[in-house]
Amino acid sequence: MSGHSKWSTIKHKKALTDAKRSKVFSKIASVVTIAAKTGGDPAKNPTLRTAIEKAREVNMPKENIDRAIKRGTGETPGKQLEEITYGAFGPGGVAILITTITDNKNRTLGEIKQILSEHNAKFAEFSSIQWMFRREGADWIPNSPIKIEDESTRKQLTTLYEALDEQNDTNEIYSNQG
């Protein structure tokens, strides 16, 4: 008789929620590490302060935050993280900016290109997409949003965004879809 063990059910549910939390924690730890590169004091570094607030919103343990700050300031040896922005054209001609935080830009580039090709999108140089957006604080805002009327194109874009978000190194995804 399977399915009657309450502990087994709890164990599997806990494993799923732990995996989701771990993914969120690792993404936010990367953001904190990048922000700490310009200074480890949140009082003097507003970017770091914002990243720490995001970490606290998702109940990230203080030890994890401190470890990420030390990694960013260079106190802890290890792989160096860098922030890279890629561009792409998605279904329907939608321009997409993908910001990533990675320790291996060649691996990340290959994974992004594979996801784009699987979802009917094309990789483009950042400079060919950048003019369609303006920078406001830490975010990219489209200069002229495109309205997508076709329902199948919207679904393709939604699955593309979900696939990009599932990629571990992806930090933010911006598009000019209205």
Protein backbone atom coordinates (compact mmCIF):
# COMPACT_ATOMS: atom_id res chain seq x y z
CA MET A 1 0.00 0.00 0.00
CA SER A 2 1.64 3.17 -1.14
CA GLY A 3 0.63 6.71 -0.28
CA HIS A 4 -0.42 6.08 3.29
CA SER A 5 2.73 7.35 4.99
CA LYS A 6 2.23 10.89 6.23
CA TRP A 7 5.96 11.41 6.80
CA SER A 8 6.71 10.43 3.21
CA THR A 9 4.25 13.03 1.92
CA ILE A 10 5.70 15.73 4.20
CA LYS A 11 9.25 14.81 3.19
CA HIS A 12 8.50 15.22 -0.53
CA LYS A 13 6.65 18.53 -0.06
CA LYS A 14 9.49 19.85 2.12
CA ALA A 15 12.05 18.84 -0.51
CA LEU A 16 10.17 20.85 -3.15
CA THR A 17 9.81 23.96 -1.00
CA ASP A 18 13.45 23.74 0.09
CA ALA A 19 14.57 23.54 -3.54
CA LYS A 20 12.54 26.65 -4.42
CA ARG A 21 13.91 28.58 -1.41
CA SER A 22 17.45 27.52 -2.26
CA LYS A 23 17.09 28.84 -5.80
CA VAL A 24 15.75 32.18 -4.56
CA PHE A 25 18.47 32.42 -1.91
CA SER A 26 21.25 31.75 -4.41
CA LYS A 27 19.94 34.39 -6.83
CA ILE A 28 19.66 37.00 -4.09
CA ALA A 29 23.09 36.05 -2.68
CA SER A 30 24.54 36.75 -6.13
CA VAL A 31 22.88 40.17 -6.19
CA VAL A 32 24.26 40.95 -2.71
CA THR A 33 27.75 39.82 -3.78
CA ILE A 34 27.74 42.05 -6.87
CA ALA A 35 26.43 45.01 -4.83
CA ALA A 36 29.15 44.49 -2.20
CA LYS A 37 31.92 44.87 -4.79
CA THR A 38 31.67 48.67 -4.51
CA GLY A 39 31.75 48.60 -0.71
CA GLY A 40 30.67 46.32 2.11
CA ASP A 41 29.04 48.95 4.31
CA PRO A 42 25.27 49.22 3.66
CA ALA A 43 25.23 52.72 5.16
CA LYS A 44 27.55 53.94 2.39
CA ASN A 45 26.35 51.66 -0.42
CA PRO A 46 22.65 52.14 -1.35
CA THR A 47 22.75 49.28 -3.87
CA LEU A 48 23.93 46.90 -1.16
CA ARG A 49 21.29 48.23 1.22
CA THR A 50 18.55 47.51 -1.34
CA ALA A 51 19.92 44.02 -2.00
CA ILE A 52 19.97 43.27 1.74
CA GLU A 53 16.36 44.46 2.05
CA LYS A 54 15.37 42.07 -0.78
CA ALA A 55 17.18 39.25 1.03
CA ARG A 56 15.33 40.00 4.25
CA GLU A 57 11.98 40.07 2.41
CA VAL A 58 12.45 36.41 1.48
CA ASN A 59 13.68 35.53 5.01
CA MET A 60 17.25 34.82 3.98
CA PRO A 61 19.39 33.97 7.03
CA LYS A 62 21.77 36.70 8.24
CA GLU A 63 24.74 34.31 7.95
CA ASN A 64 24.04 33.85 4.22
CA ILE A 65 23.84 37.62 3.72
CA ASP A 66 27.12 38.17 5.59
CA ARG A 67 28.82 35.41 3.57
CA ALA A 68 27.67 37.01 0.30
CA ILE A 69 28.96 40.43 1.41
CA LYS A 70 32.35 38.96 2.34
CA ARG A 71 32.54 37.20 -1.02
CA GLY A 72 31.81 40.50 -2.80
CA THR A 73 34.37 42.52 -0.85
CA GLY A 74 37.03 39.87 -1.42
CA GLU A 75 37.37 38.79 2.22
CA THR A 76 36.39 35.22 1.27
CA PRO A 77 38.38 33.55 -1.51
CA GLY A 78 36.45 31.87 -4.28
CA LYS A 79 35.11 32.40 -7.76
CA GLN A 80 34.49 36.00 -8.71
CA LEU A 81 30.98 36.87 -9.86
CA GLU A 82 30.30 39.38 -12.60
CA GLU A 83 27.15 40.96 -13.97
CA ILE A 84 26.58 40.62 -17.73
CA THR A 85 23.66 41.86 -19.83
CA TYR A 86 22.63 40.05 -23.01
CA GLY A 87 20.16 41.06 -25.70
CA ALA A 88 17.71 39.03 -27.76
CA PHE A 89 14.78 39.32 -30.12
CA GLY A 90 11.86 37.14 -29.11
CA PRO A 91 8.76 35.99 -30.98
CA GLY A 92 6.85 38.88 -32.53
CA GLY A 93 9.97 41.06 -32.69
CA VAL A 94 9.99 41.78 -28.96
CA ALA A 95 13.33 43.12 -27.69
CA ILE A 96 14.57 41.38 -24.53
CA LEU A 97 17.36 42.38 -22.13
CA ILE A 98 18.64 39.58 -19.91
CA THR A 99 20.83 40.51 -16.93
CA THR A 100 22.84 37.67 -15.46
CA ILE A 101 25.21 37.21 -12.54
CA THR A 102 27.72 34.47 -13.19
CA ASP A 103 31.11 33.09 -12.37
CA ASN A 104 31.51 31.60 -15.87
CA LYS A 105 30.34 33.86 -18.69
CA ASN A 106 31.03 31.31 -21.44
CA ARG A 107 28.78 28.69 -19.81
CA THR A 108 26.04 31.26 -19.18
CA LEU A 109 26.20 32.57 -22.76
CA GLY A 110 25.86 29.04 -24.14
CA GLU A 111 22.90 28.27 -21.89
CA ILE A 112 21.14 31.55 -22.79
CA LYS A 113 21.68 30.95 -26.53
CA GLN A 114 20.30 27.41 -26.21
CA ILE A 115 17.17 28.60 -24.38
CA LEU A 116 16.62 31.32 -26.99
CA SER A 117 16.95 28.91 -29.92
CA GLU A 118 14.57 26.42 -28.29
CA HIS A 119 11.89 29.13 -27.91
CA ASN A 120 12.01 30.76 -31.38
CA ALA A 121 14.13 33.72 -30.26
CA LYS A 122 17.40 35.09 -31.59
CA PHE A 123 20.46 36.23 -29.67
CA ALA A 124 21.51 39.81 -30.37
CA GLU A 125 24.38 41.96 -29.20
CA PHE A 126 23.56 44.11 -26.20
CA SER A 127 24.40 47.30 -28.12
CA SER A 128 21.81 46.49 -30.81
CA ILE A 129 19.04 46.26 -28.17
CA GLN A 130 20.17 48.88 -25.65
CA TRP A 131 18.85 51.87 -27.61
CA MET A 132 15.28 50.53 -27.17
CA PHE A 133 15.54 50.93 -23.39
CA ARG A 134 16.51 53.62 -20.91
CA ARG A 135 18.09 53.06 -17.53
CA GLU A 136 16.13 54.23 -14.48
CA GLY A 137 17.96 53.30 -11.31
CA ALA A 138 18.68 49.59 -11.49
CA ASP A 139 15.89 48.86 -14.00
CA TRP A 140 15.59 49.08 -17.78
CA ILE A 141 12.43 50.79 -19.06
CA PRO A 142 11.35 50.39 -22.73
CA ASN A 143 11.34 53.59 -24.79
CA SER A 144 8.47 52.44 -27.01
CA PRO A 145 6.56 49.35 -25.81
CA ILE A 146 5.19 46.94 -28.42
CA LYS A 147 1.62 45.68 -28.09
CA ILE A 148 1.31 41.95 -28.86
CA GLU A 149 -2.18 41.06 -30.09
CA ASP A 150 -1.58 37.45 -31.17
CA GLU A 151 -2.36 34.99 -28.36
CA SER A 152 0.08 32.30 -29.60
CA THR A 153 2.93 34.84 -29.64
CA ARG A 154 2.06 35.84 -26.07
CA LYS A 155 2.19 32.19 -24.99
CA GLN A 156 5.55 31.72 -26.72
CA LEU A 157 6.91 34.80 -24.93
CA THR A 158 5.58 33.58 -21.58
CA THR A 159 7.26 30.19 -21.97
CA LEU A 160 10.48 31.93 -23.07
CA TYR A 161 10.45 34.19 -19.99
CA GLU A 162 9.80 31.18 -17.72
CA ALA A 163 12.66 29.19 -19.31
CA LEU A 164 15.04 32.14 -18.94
CA ASP A 165 13.98 32.63 -15.33
CA GLU A 166 14.64 28.95 -14.60
CA GLN A 167 18.24 29.40 -15.74
CA ASN A 168 20.29 29.73 -12.53
CA ASP A 169 22.41 32.72 -13.54
CA THR A 170 19.54 34.89 -14.84
CA ASN A 171 18.90 37.84 -12.56
CA GLU A 172 16.31 40.01 -14.36
CA ILE A 173 14.48 39.93 -17.69
CA TYR A 174 13.26 43.13 -19.35
CA SER A 175 11.27 43.41 -22.56
CA ASN A 176 9.55 46.10 -24.61
CA GLN A 177 6.32 44.08 -24.66
CA GLY A 178 3.43 46.36 -23.72
